[in-house]
N, C-alpha and C. Protein backbone atom coordinates (compact mmCIF):
# COMPACT_ATOMS: atom_id res chain seq x y z
N MET A 1 7.55 38.19 0.29
CA MET A 1 8.09 37.13 1.10
C MET A 1 7.09 36.12 1.07
N GLU A 2 7.55 34.81 0.97
CA GLU A 2 6.69 33.67 0.85
C GLU A 2 6.22 33.28 2.09
N GLU A 3 4.91 32.87 2.31
CA GLU A 3 4.38 32.36 3.66
C GLU A 3 4.83 31.09 4.02
N LYS A 4 5.07 30.84 5.14
CA LYS A 4 5.48 29.42 5.58
C LYS A 4 4.20 28.62 5.87
N ASN A 5 4.23 27.33 5.28
CA ASN A 5 3.24 26.47 5.55
C ASN A 5 3.17 25.94 6.89
N THR A 6 2.19 26.11 7.57
CA THR A 6 2.00 25.62 9.07
C THR A 6 1.24 24.38 9.20
N ARG A 7 0.61 23.97 8.09
CA ARG A 7 -0.05 22.68 8.15
C ARG A 7 0.75 21.48 8.03
N ARG A 8 0.39 20.39 8.76
CA ARG A 8 1.08 19.18 8.67
C ARG A 8 0.42 18.31 7.65
N THR A 9 1.23 17.54 6.87
CA THR A 9 0.66 16.82 5.77
C THR A 9 0.31 15.43 6.43
N VAL A 10 -0.99 14.85 6.22
CA VAL A 10 -1.42 13.66 6.67
C VAL A 10 -1.68 12.79 5.48
N ILE A 11 -1.08 11.53 5.53
CA ILE A 11 -1.29 10.56 4.44
C ILE A 11 -2.13 9.45 5.19
N HIS A 12 -3.33 9.15 4.60
CA HIS A 12 -4.07 8.13 5.30
C HIS A 12 -4.74 7.14 4.23
N GLU A 13 -4.43 5.97 4.34
CA GLU A 13 -5.08 5.07 3.36
C GLU A 13 -5.60 3.82 4.27
N GLU A 14 -6.86 3.42 4.10
CA GLU A 14 -7.33 2.25 4.80
C GLU A 14 -7.64 1.18 3.87
N LEU A 15 -7.24 -0.01 4.04
CA LEU A 15 -7.68 -1.04 3.04
C LEU A 15 -9.20 -1.51 3.39
N ASN A 16 -9.81 -1.81 2.38
CA ASN A 16 -11.12 -2.35 2.50
C ASN A 16 -11.09 -4.01 2.71
N GLU A 17 -12.20 -4.60 2.93
CA GLU A 17 -12.03 -6.07 3.39
C GLU A 17 -11.36 -6.90 2.24
N LYS A 18 -11.67 -6.60 1.05
CA LYS A 18 -11.13 -7.36 -0.18
C LYS A 18 -9.57 -7.05 -0.21
N GLN A 19 -9.18 -5.91 -0.03
CA GLN A 19 -7.86 -5.49 -0.11
C GLN A 19 -7.06 -6.12 1.01
N GLN A 20 -7.63 -6.07 2.27
CA GLN A 20 -7.08 -6.66 3.36
C GLN A 20 -6.78 -8.18 3.36
N LYS A 21 -7.74 -8.78 2.83
CA LYS A 21 -7.59 -10.30 2.58
C LYS A 21 -6.50 -10.58 1.60
N MET A 22 -6.33 -9.88 0.60
CA MET A 22 -5.27 -10.10 -0.48
C MET A 22 -3.89 -9.80 0.27
N TYR A 23 -3.81 -8.70 1.07
CA TYR A 23 -2.56 -8.34 1.75
C TYR A 23 -2.23 -9.41 2.80
N ASP A 24 -3.11 -9.85 3.52
CA ASP A 24 -2.91 -10.97 4.55
C ASP A 24 -2.37 -12.19 3.92
N GLU A 25 -3.01 -12.59 2.87
CA GLU A 25 -2.59 -13.80 2.00
C GLU A 25 -1.17 -13.57 1.65
N TRP A 26 -0.87 -12.51 0.91
CA TRP A 26 0.37 -12.23 0.38
C TRP A 26 1.53 -12.28 1.51
N LEU A 27 1.23 -11.71 2.58
CA LEU A 27 2.17 -11.60 3.72
C LEU A 27 2.43 -13.13 4.23
N SER A 28 1.34 -13.79 4.36
CA SER A 28 1.47 -15.24 4.85
C SER A 28 2.37 -16.03 3.99
N HIS A 29 2.32 -15.84 2.63
CA HIS A 29 3.11 -16.64 1.70
C HIS A 29 4.67 -16.25 1.81
N ILE A 30 4.79 -14.81 1.88
CA ILE A 30 6.21 -14.45 2.12
C ILE A 30 6.87 -14.98 3.42
N LYS A 31 6.10 -14.76 4.49
CA LYS A 31 6.50 -15.44 5.78
C LYS A 31 6.84 -16.90 5.57
N ALA A 32 5.99 -17.69 5.01
CA ALA A 32 6.11 -19.19 4.87
C ALA A 32 7.42 -19.45 4.05
N ILE A 33 7.59 -18.76 2.90
CA ILE A 33 8.75 -18.97 2.15
C ILE A 33 10.05 -18.53 2.61
N TYR A 34 10.03 -17.22 3.18
CA TYR A 34 11.34 -16.62 3.61
C TYR A 34 11.62 -16.60 5.29
N GLY A 35 10.52 -16.96 5.92
CA GLY A 35 10.74 -16.94 7.29
C GLY A 35 10.53 -15.66 7.97
N GLU A 36 10.40 -14.50 7.13
CA GLU A 36 10.26 -13.18 7.69
C GLU A 36 9.66 -12.33 6.66
N TYR A 37 9.06 -11.21 6.89
CA TYR A 37 8.41 -10.32 6.09
C TYR A 37 9.41 -9.46 5.18
N GLY A 38 10.48 -9.03 5.90
CA GLY A 38 11.34 -7.96 5.20
C GLY A 38 10.70 -6.49 5.14
N HIS A 39 11.19 -5.76 4.32
CA HIS A 39 10.74 -4.27 4.22
C HIS A 39 9.75 -4.20 3.06
N PHE A 40 8.91 -3.20 3.12
CA PHE A 40 7.93 -3.01 1.96
C PHE A 40 7.91 -1.49 1.73
N THR A 41 7.60 -1.15 0.45
CA THR A 41 7.29 0.27 0.14
C THR A 41 5.85 0.31 -0.47
N TRP A 42 5.30 1.32 0.14
CA TRP A 42 3.88 1.53 -0.13
C TRP A 42 3.75 2.64 -1.33
N LYS A 43 3.11 2.37 -2.39
CA LYS A 43 2.86 3.55 -3.34
C LYS A 43 1.43 3.75 -3.53
N ILE A 44 1.20 4.92 -3.01
CA ILE A 44 -0.41 5.43 -3.17
C ILE A 44 -0.31 6.47 -4.27
N THR A 45 -1.12 6.24 -5.16
CA THR A 45 -1.35 7.31 -6.31
C THR A 45 -2.85 7.76 -6.31
N PRO A 46 -3.23 8.84 -5.74
CA PRO A 46 -4.57 9.45 -6.09
C PRO A 46 -4.81 9.74 -7.52
N ASN A 47 -5.92 9.33 -8.06
CA ASN A 47 -6.37 9.56 -9.50
C ASN A 47 -7.54 10.53 -9.59
N GLY A 48 -7.99 11.07 -8.56
CA GLY A 48 -9.23 11.84 -8.62
C GLY A 48 -10.52 11.24 -8.21
N ILE A 49 -10.55 9.94 -8.45
CA ILE A 49 -11.72 9.22 -8.04
C ILE A 49 -11.45 8.33 -6.75
N ALA A 50 -10.21 7.72 -6.74
CA ALA A 50 -9.72 6.94 -5.54
C ALA A 50 -8.30 6.84 -5.68
N SER A 51 -7.72 5.95 -5.07
CA SER A 51 -6.17 5.86 -5.07
C SER A 51 -5.88 4.46 -5.58
N GLU A 52 -4.76 4.46 -6.36
CA GLU A 52 -4.06 3.19 -6.67
C GLU A 52 -3.23 2.84 -5.59
N VAL A 53 -3.13 1.48 -5.22
CA VAL A 53 -2.36 1.21 -4.05
C VAL A 53 -1.58 0.01 -4.48
N ILE A 54 -0.21 0.24 -4.52
CA ILE A 54 0.78 -0.88 -4.78
C ILE A 54 1.71 -1.07 -3.76
N LEU A 55 1.90 -2.36 -3.33
CA LEU A 55 2.93 -2.62 -2.32
C LEU A 55 3.99 -3.39 -2.87
N TYR A 56 5.22 -2.94 -2.60
CA TYR A 56 6.45 -3.62 -3.09
C TYR A 56 7.29 -4.26 -2.04
N SER A 57 7.59 -5.60 -2.18
CA SER A 57 8.38 -6.27 -1.13
C SER A 57 9.77 -6.31 -1.72
N HIS A 58 10.66 -5.72 -0.85
CA HIS A 58 12.12 -5.65 -1.12
C HIS A 58 12.65 -7.09 -0.90
N LYS A 59 11.98 -7.93 0.05
CA LYS A 59 12.61 -9.16 0.26
C LYS A 59 12.29 -10.20 -0.92
N THR A 60 11.09 -10.07 -1.62
CA THR A 60 10.88 -10.94 -2.63
C THR A 60 11.06 -10.43 -4.05
N GLY A 61 11.14 -9.00 -4.08
CA GLY A 61 11.35 -8.24 -5.38
C GLY A 61 9.92 -8.21 -6.18
N THR A 62 8.77 -8.42 -5.53
CA THR A 62 7.66 -8.57 -6.12
C THR A 62 6.65 -7.43 -5.73
N GLU A 63 5.63 -7.05 -6.44
CA GLU A 63 4.71 -6.11 -6.10
C GLU A 63 3.25 -6.79 -6.01
N LEU A 64 2.51 -6.21 -5.09
CA LEU A 64 1.04 -6.58 -4.86
C LEU A 64 0.27 -5.35 -5.32
N ASP A 65 -0.62 -5.40 -6.31
CA ASP A 65 -1.51 -4.35 -6.68
C ASP A 65 -2.86 -4.55 -5.89
N LEU A 66 -3.03 -3.61 -4.89
CA LEU A 66 -4.14 -3.69 -4.19
C LEU A 66 -5.31 -2.63 -4.63
N THR A 67 -5.15 -2.14 -5.70
CA THR A 67 -6.04 -1.29 -6.21
C THR A 67 -7.43 -1.94 -6.46
N ASP A 68 -8.48 -1.46 -5.90
CA ASP A 68 -9.74 -2.10 -5.97
C ASP A 68 -10.60 -1.21 -6.76
N VAL A 69 -10.50 -1.41 -8.21
CA VAL A 69 -11.27 -0.67 -9.09
C VAL A 69 -12.74 -0.86 -8.97
N ASP A 70 -13.14 -2.02 -8.62
CA ASP A 70 -14.60 -2.28 -8.38
C ASP A 70 -15.32 -1.29 -7.24
N SER A 71 -14.47 -0.93 -6.39
CA SER A 71 -15.05 0.03 -5.37
C SER A 71 -14.99 1.46 -5.78
N TRP A 72 -14.68 1.84 -6.94
CA TRP A 72 -14.61 3.11 -7.47
C TRP A 72 -16.02 3.53 -7.82
């Protein structure tokens, strides 16, 4: 019989200052053009060293790559 997993999965990603600045700028442009932010999909891909972070805006159909390779 298979054991039931009793742990809860926690996903935590915190933007560094460089990433936060890029994110805030991108959001301000979206708000200025469209008048609202819309919905976003966050894609976090761990690669063993750090994580790739890509944000997709459903409102604009664009992506923002927040991956900070310099911090690896």
